[in-house]
C-alpha atoms as a PDB file:
ATOM      1  CA  UNK A   1     -86.985   1.757  -5.177  1.00  0.00           C
ATOM      2  CA  UNK A   2     -89.563   3.096  -2.736  1.00  0.00           C
ATOM      3  CA  UNK A   3     -90.737   2.220   0.767  1.00  0.00           C
ATOM      4  CA  UNK A   4     -92.709   3.303   3.805  1.00  0.00           C
ATOM      5  CA  UNK A   5     -91.475   5.202   6.848  1.00  0.00           C
ATOM      6  CA  UNK A   6     -93.426   5.259  10.086  1.00  0.00           C
ATOM      7  CA  UNK A   7     -92.612   7.775  12.827  1.00  0.00           C
ATOM      8  CA  UNK A   8     -94.226   9.025  16.013  1.00  0.00           C
ATOM      9  CA  UNK A   9     -96.958  11.535  15.241  1.00  0.00           C
ATOM     10  CA  UNK A  10     -95.072  14.152  17.253  1.00  0.00           C
ATOM     11  CA  UNK A  11     -92.098  13.892  14.860  1.00  0.00           C
ATOM     12  CA  UNK A  12     -94.089  14.006  11.609  1.00  0.00           C
ATOM     13  CA  UNK A  13     -93.491  17.727  11.117  1.00  0.00           C
ATOM     14  CA  UNK A  14     -89.768  17.088  10.632  1.00  0.00           C
ATOM     15  CA  UNK A  15     -90.404  14.820   7.641  1.00  0.00           C
ATOM     16  CA  UNK A  16     -93.023  17.225   6.279  1.00  0.00           C
ATOM     17  CA  UNK A  17     -90.303  19.890   6.327  1.00  0.00           C
ATOM     18  CA  UNK A  18     -87.875  17.552   4.539  1.00  0.00           C
ATOM     19  CA  UNK A  19     -85.591  16.847   7.504  1.00  0.00           C
ATOM     20  CA  UNK A  20     -84.506  13.257   8.193  1.00  0.00           C
ATOM     21  CA  UNK A  21     -82.652  11.427  10.918  1.00  0.00           C
ATOM     22  CA  UNK A  22     -79.757   9.336   9.594  1.00  0.00           C
ATOM     23  CA  UNK A  23     -78.795   6.934  12.349  1.00  0.00           C
ATOM     24  CA  UNK A  24     -75.540   5.172  13.187  1.00  0.00           C
ATOM     25  CA  UNK A  25     -75.192   1.462  13.978  1.00  0.00           C
ATOM     26  CA  UNK A  26     -75.113   2.347  17.681  1.00  0.00           C
ATOM     27  CA  UNK A  27     -78.455   4.128  17.263  1.00  0.00           C
ATOM     28  CA  UNK A  28     -80.074   1.074  15.691  1.00  0.00           C
ATOM     29  CA  UNK A  29     -78.516  -1.407  18.120  1.00  0.00           C
ATOM     30  CA  UNK A  30     -79.950   0.464  21.115  1.00  0.00           C
ATOM     31  CA  UNK A  31     -83.514   1.101  19.919  1.00  0.00           C
ATOM     32  CA  UNK A  32     -86.032   0.615  22.722  1.00  0.00           C
ATOM     33  CA  UNK A  33     -89.116  -1.616  23.049  1.00  0.00           C
ATOM     34  CA  UNK A  34     -87.392  -4.660  21.585  1.00  0.00           C
ATOM     35  CA  UNK A  35     -86.713  -3.009  18.218  1.00  0.00           C
ATOM     36  CA  UNK A  36     -82.952  -2.802  18.599  1.00  0.00           C
ATOM     37  CA  UNK A  37     -80.718  -5.604  17.344  1.00  0.00           C
ATOM     38  CA  UNK A  38     -77.546  -5.570  19.434  1.00  0.00           C
ATOM     39  CA  UNK A  39     -75.747  -7.369  16.599  1.00  0.00           C
ATOM     40  CA  UNK A  40     -77.100  -5.177  13.793  1.00  0.00           C
ATOM     41  CA  UNK A  41     -74.651  -5.233  10.848  1.00  0.00           C
ATOM     42  CA  UNK A  42     -72.491  -7.722  12.782  1.00  0.00           C
ATOM     43  CA  UNK A  43     -71.620 -11.408  12.928  1.00  0.00           C
ATOM     44  CA  UNK A  44     -70.883 -13.167  16.224  1.00  0.00           C
ATOM     45  CA  UNK A  45     -68.775 -16.331  16.384  1.00  0.00           C
ATOM     46  CA  UNK A  46     -68.841 -18.354  19.612  1.00  0.00           C
ATOM     47  CA  UNK A  47     -65.912 -20.698  20.068  1.00  0.00           C
ATOM     48  CA  UNK A  48     -64.095 -22.724  22.695  1.00  0.00           C
ATOM     49  CA  UNK A  49     -67.029 -23.908  24.817  1.00  0.00           C
ATOM     50  CA  UNK A  50     -65.594 -25.036  28.161  1.00  0.00           C
ATOM     51  CA  UNK A  51     -66.955 -27.316  30.898  1.00  0.00           C
ATOM     52  CA  UNK A  52     -65.818 -26.817  34.476  1.00  0.00           C
ATOM     53  CA  UNK A  53     -65.100 -30.539  34.737  1.00  0.00           C
ATOM     54  CA  UNK A  54     -62.878 -30.934  31.680  1.00  0.00           C
ATOM     55  CA  UNK A  55     -59.085 -31.230  32.072  1.00  0.00           C
ATOM     56  CA  UNK A  56     -57.366 -27.840  32.141  1.00  0.00           C
ATOM     57  CA  UNK A  57     -60.584 -25.935  32.918  1.00  0.00           C
ATOM     58  CA  UNK A  58     -59.097 -24.176  35.959  1.00  0.00           C
ATOM     59  CA  UNK A  59     -56.096 -22.887  33.997  1.00  0.00           C
ATOM     60  CA  UNK A  60     -58.301 -21.823  31.074  1.00  0.00           C
ATOM     61  CA  UNK A  61     -60.594 -19.834  33.376  1.00  0.00           C
ATOM     62  CA  UNK A  62     -57.617 -18.109  34.984  1.00  0.00           C
ATOM     63  CA  UNK A  63     -56.323 -17.111  31.548  1.00  0.00           C
ATOM     64  CA  UNK A  64     -59.743 -15.605  30.814  1.00  0.00           C
ATOM     65  CA  UNK A  65     -59.279 -13.274  33.781  1.00  0.00           C
ATOM     66  CA  UNK A  66     -61.185 -15.060  36.540  1.00  0.00           C
ATOM     67  CA  UNK A  67     -59.682 -14.839  40.038  1.00  0.00           C
ATOM     68  CA  UNK A  68     -58.255 -17.906  41.724  1.00  0.00           C
ATOM     69  CA  UNK A  69     -61.329 -18.151  43.964  1.00  0.00           C
ATOM     70  CA  UNK A  70     -63.733 -17.822  41.016  1.00  0.00           C
ATOM     71  CA  UNK A  71     -61.901 -20.468  38.980  1.00  0.00           C
ATOM     72  CA  UNK A  72     -61.883 -22.904  41.920  1.00  0.00           C
ATOM     73  CA  UNK A  73     -65.608 -22.305  42.482  1.00  0.00           C
ATOM     74  CA  UNK A  74     -66.424 -22.894  38.815  1.00  0.00           C
ATOM     75  CA  UNK A  75     -64.475 -26.153  38.711  1.00  0.00           C
ATOM     76  CA  UNK A  76     -65.719 -27.577  42.035  1.00  0.00           C
ATOM     77  CA  UNK A  77     -67.061 -31.177  41.735  1.00  0.00           C
ATOM     78  CA  UNK A  78     -70.637 -30.170  42.666  1.00  0.00           C
ATOM     79  CA  UNK A  79     -70.777 -27.262  40.172  1.00  0.00           C
ATOM     80  CA  UNK A  80     -71.882 -27.810  36.577  1.00  0.00           C
ATOM     81  CA  UNK A  81     -70.304 -24.794  34.876  1.00  0.00           C
ATOM     82  CA  UNK A  82     -70.503 -24.449  31.108  1.00  0.00           C
ATOM     83  CA  UNK A  83     -69.317 -21.312  29.356  1.00  0.00           C
ATOM     84  CA  UNK A  84     -67.539 -20.046  26.285  1.00  0.00           C
ATOM     85  CA  UNK A  85     -63.877 -19.245  26.140  1.00  0.00           C
ATOM     86  CA  UNK A  86     -64.222 -16.760  23.320  1.00  0.00           C
ATOM     87  CA  UNK A  87     -66.775 -14.639  21.507  1.00  0.00           C
ATOM     88  CA  UNK A  88     -65.707 -12.676  18.436  1.00  0.00           C
ATOM     89  CA  UNK A  89     -67.926  -9.875  17.133  1.00  0.00           C
ATOM     90  CA  UNK A  90     -67.130  -8.624  13.645  1.00  0.00           C
ATOM     91  CA  UNK A  91     -69.009  -5.493  12.599  1.00  0.00           C
ATOM     92  CA  UNK A  92     -69.062  -3.316   9.510  1.00  0.00           C
ATOM     93  CA  UNK A  93     -67.419   0.098   9.571  1.00  0.00           C
ATOM     94  CA  UNK A  94     -69.370   3.205  10.693  1.00  0.00           C
ATOM     95  CA  UNK A  95     -72.085   4.334   8.266  1.00  0.00           C
ATOM     96  CA  UNK A  96     -75.143   6.553   8.218  1.00  0.00           C
ATOM     97  CA  UNK A  97     -78.404   4.673   7.648  1.00  0.00           C
ATOM     98  CA  UNK A  98     -82.001   5.560   6.789  1.00  0.00           C
ATOM     99  CA  UNK A  99     -84.380   2.617   7.109  1.00  0.00           C
ATOM    100  CA  UNK A 100     -87.803   2.119   5.563  1.00  0.00           C
ATOM    101  CA  UNK A 101     -90.141  -0.846   5.138  1.00  0.00           C
ATOM    102  CA  UNK A 102     -91.358  -2.459   1.964  1.00  0.00           C
ATOM    103  CA  UNK A 103     -94.713  -1.183   0.683  1.00  0.00           C
ATOM    104  CA  UNK A 104     -97.598  -2.514   2.748  1.00  0.00           C
ATOM    105  CA  UNK A 105     -95.475  -3.309   5.816  1.00  0.00           C
ATOM    106  CA  UNK A 106     -95.841  -1.702   9.212  1.00  0.00           C
ATOM    107  CA  UNK A 107     -92.214  -0.868   9.973  1.00  0.00           C
ATOM    108  CA  UNK A 108     -92.668   0.096  13.634  1.00  0.00           C
ATOM    109  CA  UNK A 109     -95.953  -1.287  14.990  1.00  0.00           C
ATOM    110  CA  UNK A 110     -96.678   0.260  18.411  1.00  0.00           C
ATOM    111  CA  UNK A 111    -100.332   0.929  19.188  1.00  0.00           C
ATOM    112  CA  UNK A 112     -99.453   2.824  22.376  1.00  0.00           C
ATOM    113  CA  UNK A 113     -98.032   5.809  20.468  1.00  0.00           C
ATOM    114  CA  UNK A 114     -99.885   7.535  17.574  1.00  0.00           C
ATOM    115  CA  UNK A 115     -97.972   7.120  14.304  1.00  0.00           C
ATOM    116  CA  UNK A 116     -97.664   8.945  11.003  1.00  0.00           C
ATOM    117  CA  UNK A 117     -96.872   7.007   7.836  1.00  0.00           C
ATOM    118  CA  UNK A 118     -94.983   8.392   4.853  1.00  0.00           C
ATOM    119  CA  UNK A 119     -94.418   6.863   1.449  1.00  0.00           C
ATOM    120  CA  UNK A 120     -90.832   7.456   0.352  1.00  0.00           C
ATOM    121  CA  UNK A 121     -90.907   7.872  -3.415  1.00  0.00           C
ATOM    122  CA  UNK A 122     -87.492   7.184  -4.934  1.00  0.00           C
ATOM    123  CA  UNK A 123     -84.757   6.239  -2.478  1.00  0.00           C
ATOM    124  CA  UNK A 124     -82.036   6.886  -5.044  1.00  0.00           C
ATOM    125  CA  UNK A 125     -83.299  10.424  -5.678  1.00  0.00           C
ATOM    126  CA  UNK A 126     -83.462  10.954  -1.932  1.00  0.00           C
ATOM    127  CA  UNK A 127     -79.880   9.766  -1.515  1.00  0.00           C
ATOM    128  CA  UNK A 128     -78.575  12.076  -4.242  1.00  0.00           C
ATOM    129  CA  UNK A 129     -80.312  15.096  -2.704  1.00  0.00           C
ATOM    130  CA  UNK A 130     -79.039  14.312   0.800  1.00  0.00           C
ATOM    131  CA  UNK A 131     -75.493  14.049  -0.515  1.00  0.00           C
ATOM    132  CA  UNK A 132     -75.920  17.449  -2.177  1.00  0.00           C
ATOM    133  CA  UNK A 133     -77.058  18.897   1.153  1.00  0.00           C
ATOM    134  CA  UNK A 134     -74.222  17.338   3.191  1.00  0.00           C
ATOM    135  CA  UNK A 135     -71.252  16.784   0.843  1.00  0.00           C
ATOM    136  CA  UNK A 136     -68.781  17.090   3.732  1.00  0.00           C
ATOM    137  CA  UNK A 137     -70.374  14.145   5.581  1.00  0.00           C
ATOM    138  CA  UNK A 138     -72.136  11.796   3.161  1.00  0.00           C
ATOM    139  CA  UNK A 139     -70.148   9.786   0.644  1.00  0.00           C
ATOM    140  CA  UNK A 140     -71.137   6.921  -1.652  1.00  0.00           C
ATOM    141  CA  UNK A 141     -74.537   5.367  -0.960  1.00  0.00           C
ATOM    142  CA  UNK A 142     -76.000   1.861  -1.215  1.00  0.00           C
ATOM    143  CA  UNK A 143     -79.657   0.772  -1.255  1.00  0.00           C
ATOM    144  CA  UNK A 144     -80.698  -2.821  -0.586  1.00  0.00           C
ATOM    145  CA  UNK A 145     -83.249  -5.011   1.103  1.00  0.00           C
ATOM    146  CA  UNK A 146     -82.091  -6.424   4.427  1.00  0.00           C
ATOM    147  CA  UNK A 147     -81.258 -10.131   4.665  1.00  0.00           C
ATOM    148  CA  UNK A 148     -82.367 -11.857   7.860  1.00  0.00           C
ATOM    149  CA  UNK A 149     -80.106 -14.689   8.966  1.00  0.00           C
ATOM    150  CA  UNK A 150     -78.571 -16.448  11.939  1.00  0.00           C
ATOM    151  CA  UNK A 151     -75.831 -14.008  12.967  1.00  0.00           C
ATOM    152  CA  UNK A 152     -74.678 -15.995  16.027  1.00  0.00           C
ATOM    153  CA  UNK A 153     -72.582 -18.954  14.893  1.00  0.00           C
ATOM    154  CA  UNK A 154     -71.020 -21.770  16.901  1.00  0.00           C
ATOM    155  CA  UNK A 155     -67.552 -22.220  15.414  1.00  0.00           C
ATOM    156  CA  UNK A 156     -67.643 -25.970  16.039  1.00  0.00           C
ATOM    157  CA  UNK A 157     -70.965 -26.504  14.256  1.00  0.00           C
ATOM    158  CA  UNK A 158     -69.536 -26.440  10.739  1.00  0.00           C
ATOM    159  CA  UNK A 159     -72.108 -23.808   9.765  1.00  0.00           C
ATOM    160  CA  UNK A 160     -70.907 -21.281   7.199  1.00  0.00           C
ATOM    161  CA  UNK A 161     -69.976 -17.980   8.814  1.00  0.00           C
ATOM    162  CA  UNK A 162     -71.541 -15.042   6.921  1.00  0.00           C
ATOM    163  CA  UNK A 163     -69.613 -11.846   6.336  1.00  0.00           C
ATOM    164  CA  UNK A 164     -70.836  -8.803   8.290  1.00  0.00           C
ATOM    165  CA  UNK A 165     -72.932  -6.501   6.149  1.00  0.00           C
ATOM    166  CA  UNK A 166     -74.927  -3.280   6.612  1.00  0.00           C
ATOM    167  CA  UNK A 167     -77.844  -5.263   5.176  1.00  0.00           C
ATOM    168  CA  UNK A 168     -77.720  -8.170   7.663  1.00  0.00           C
ATOM    169  CA  UNK A 169     -79.925  -8.612  10.744  1.00  0.00           C
ATOM    170  CA  UNK A 170     -81.001 -11.460  13.018  1.00  0.00           C
ATOM    171  CA  UNK A 171     -83.823 -13.801  12.005  1.00  0.00           C
ATOM    172  CA  UNK A 172     -86.181 -12.602  14.739  1.00  0.00           C
ATOM    173  CA  UNK A 173     -86.430  -9.205  13.005  1.00  0.00           C
ATOM    174  CA  UNK A 174     -87.569 -10.618   9.658  1.00  0.00           C
ATOM    175  CA  UNK A 175     -91.124  -9.304  10.196  1.00  0.00           C
ATOM    176  CA  UNK A 176     -89.772  -5.792   9.529  1.00  0.00           C
ATOM    177  CA  UNK A 177     -89.000  -6.482   5.840  1.00  0.00           C
ATOM    178  CA  UNK A 178     -86.606  -3.562   5.862  1.00  0.00           C
ATOM    179  CA  UNK A 179     -84.944  -1.620   3.060  1.00  0.00           C
ATOM    180  CA  UNK A 180     -81.853   0.385   3.909  1.00  0.00           C
ATOM    181  CA  UNK A 181     -80.254   3.435   2.417  1.00  0.00           C
ATOM    182  CA  UNK A 182     -76.722   3.666   3.798  1.00  0.00           C
ATOM    183  CA  UNK A 183     -74.013   6.252   3.256  1.00  0.00           C
ATOM    184  CA  UNK A 184     -70.301   5.792   3.711  1.00  0.00           C
ATOM    185  CA  UNK A 185     -68.939   8.748   5.680  1.00  0.00           C
ATOM    186  CA  UNK A 186     -66.611  11.103   3.814  1.00  0.00           C
ATOM    187  CA  UNK A 187     -64.108  11.036   6.669  1.00  0.00           C
ATOM    188  CA  UNK A 188     -62.893   8.012   8.601  1.00  0.00           C
ATOM    189  CA  UNK A 189     -63.446   7.724  12.321  1.00  0.00           C
ATOM    190  CA  UNK A 190     -66.413   7.824  14.714  1.00  0.00           C
ATOM    191  CA  UNK A 191     -69.648   9.404  13.505  1.00  0.00           C
ATOM    192  CA  UNK A 192     -72.787  10.611  15.273  1.00  0.00           C
ATOM    193  CA  UNK A 193     -76.477  10.832  14.395  1.00  0.00           C
ATOM    194  CA  UNK A 194     -77.130  13.240  11.517  1.00  0.00           C
ATOM    195  CA  UNK A 195     -80.276  15.362  11.395  1.00  0.00           C
ATOM    196  CA  UNK A 196     -80.387  16.601   7.822  1.00  0.00           C
ATOM    197  CA  UNK A 197     -81.158  20.160   6.780  1.00  0.00           C
ATOM    198  CA  UNK A 198     -84.833  20.887   6.058  1.00  0.00           C
ATOM    199  CA  UNK A 199     -85.298  20.865   2.298  1.00  0.00           C
ATOM    200  CA  UNK A 200     -88.261  21.233  -0.060  1.00  0.00           C
ATOM    201  CA  UNK A 201     -86.885  18.709  -2.549  1.00  0.00           C
ATOM    202  CA  UNK A 202     -86.579  16.099   0.191  1.00  0.00           C
ATOM    203  CA  UNK A 203     -90.064  16.930   1.472  1.00  0.00           C
ATOM    204  CA  UNK A 204     -91.469  16.384  -2.048  1.00  0.00           C
ATOM    205  CA  UNK A 205     -90.186  12.768  -1.943  1.00  0.00           C
ATOM    206  CA  UNK A 206     -91.957  12.074   1.366  1.00  0.00           C
ATOM    207  CA  UNK A 207     -95.714  11.734   0.889  1.00  0.00           C
ATOM    208  CA  UNK A 208     -97.725  11.496   4.059  1.00  0.00           C
ATOM    209  CA  UNK A 209    -100.319   8.699   3.851  1.00  0.00           C
ATOM    210  CA  UNK A 210    -101.754   8.680   7.397  1.00  0.00           C
END
């Protein structure tokens, strides 16, 4: 499987030298300019919608941690408060990820900043080489196209709740048509962004097209 990777022109020399940035879920969730999906690789279930006028609303709001004054304000006759009692976010475990777009797609369109585009020839070969370079960090790898779906579910709606997946993103990002190469970390626990060692074999798999 192959794909396209677009980076800022100023960072192109890293890819030409065969050095890649493998991001964490936190990296991808906090991308700027509207590119970050705060629920990347997660599923959110909203449940227990509460109205300030329903019986027991005051007690429920107090149990949620609101002060006595806040709860009384929210349940006052002239106030139309509507909020959720619970929101559960289920996310996949930490992984390293390298994201590309399908051939012919502009993965990161941003006319304000000059871009360089690379064709990534052989994601599996790339994964094997990166594991050889970082055997103490990178474990088993997976390569798949991303599925775009509704990741925020109302528990009362009867809608099927999808399982969190490293290949799941919100519907509004479907224009990206993304392919992901993800690595399970060798060791459990928190991980940080990995900038891989410059390597000629990696560079040979990254062909600059513009």
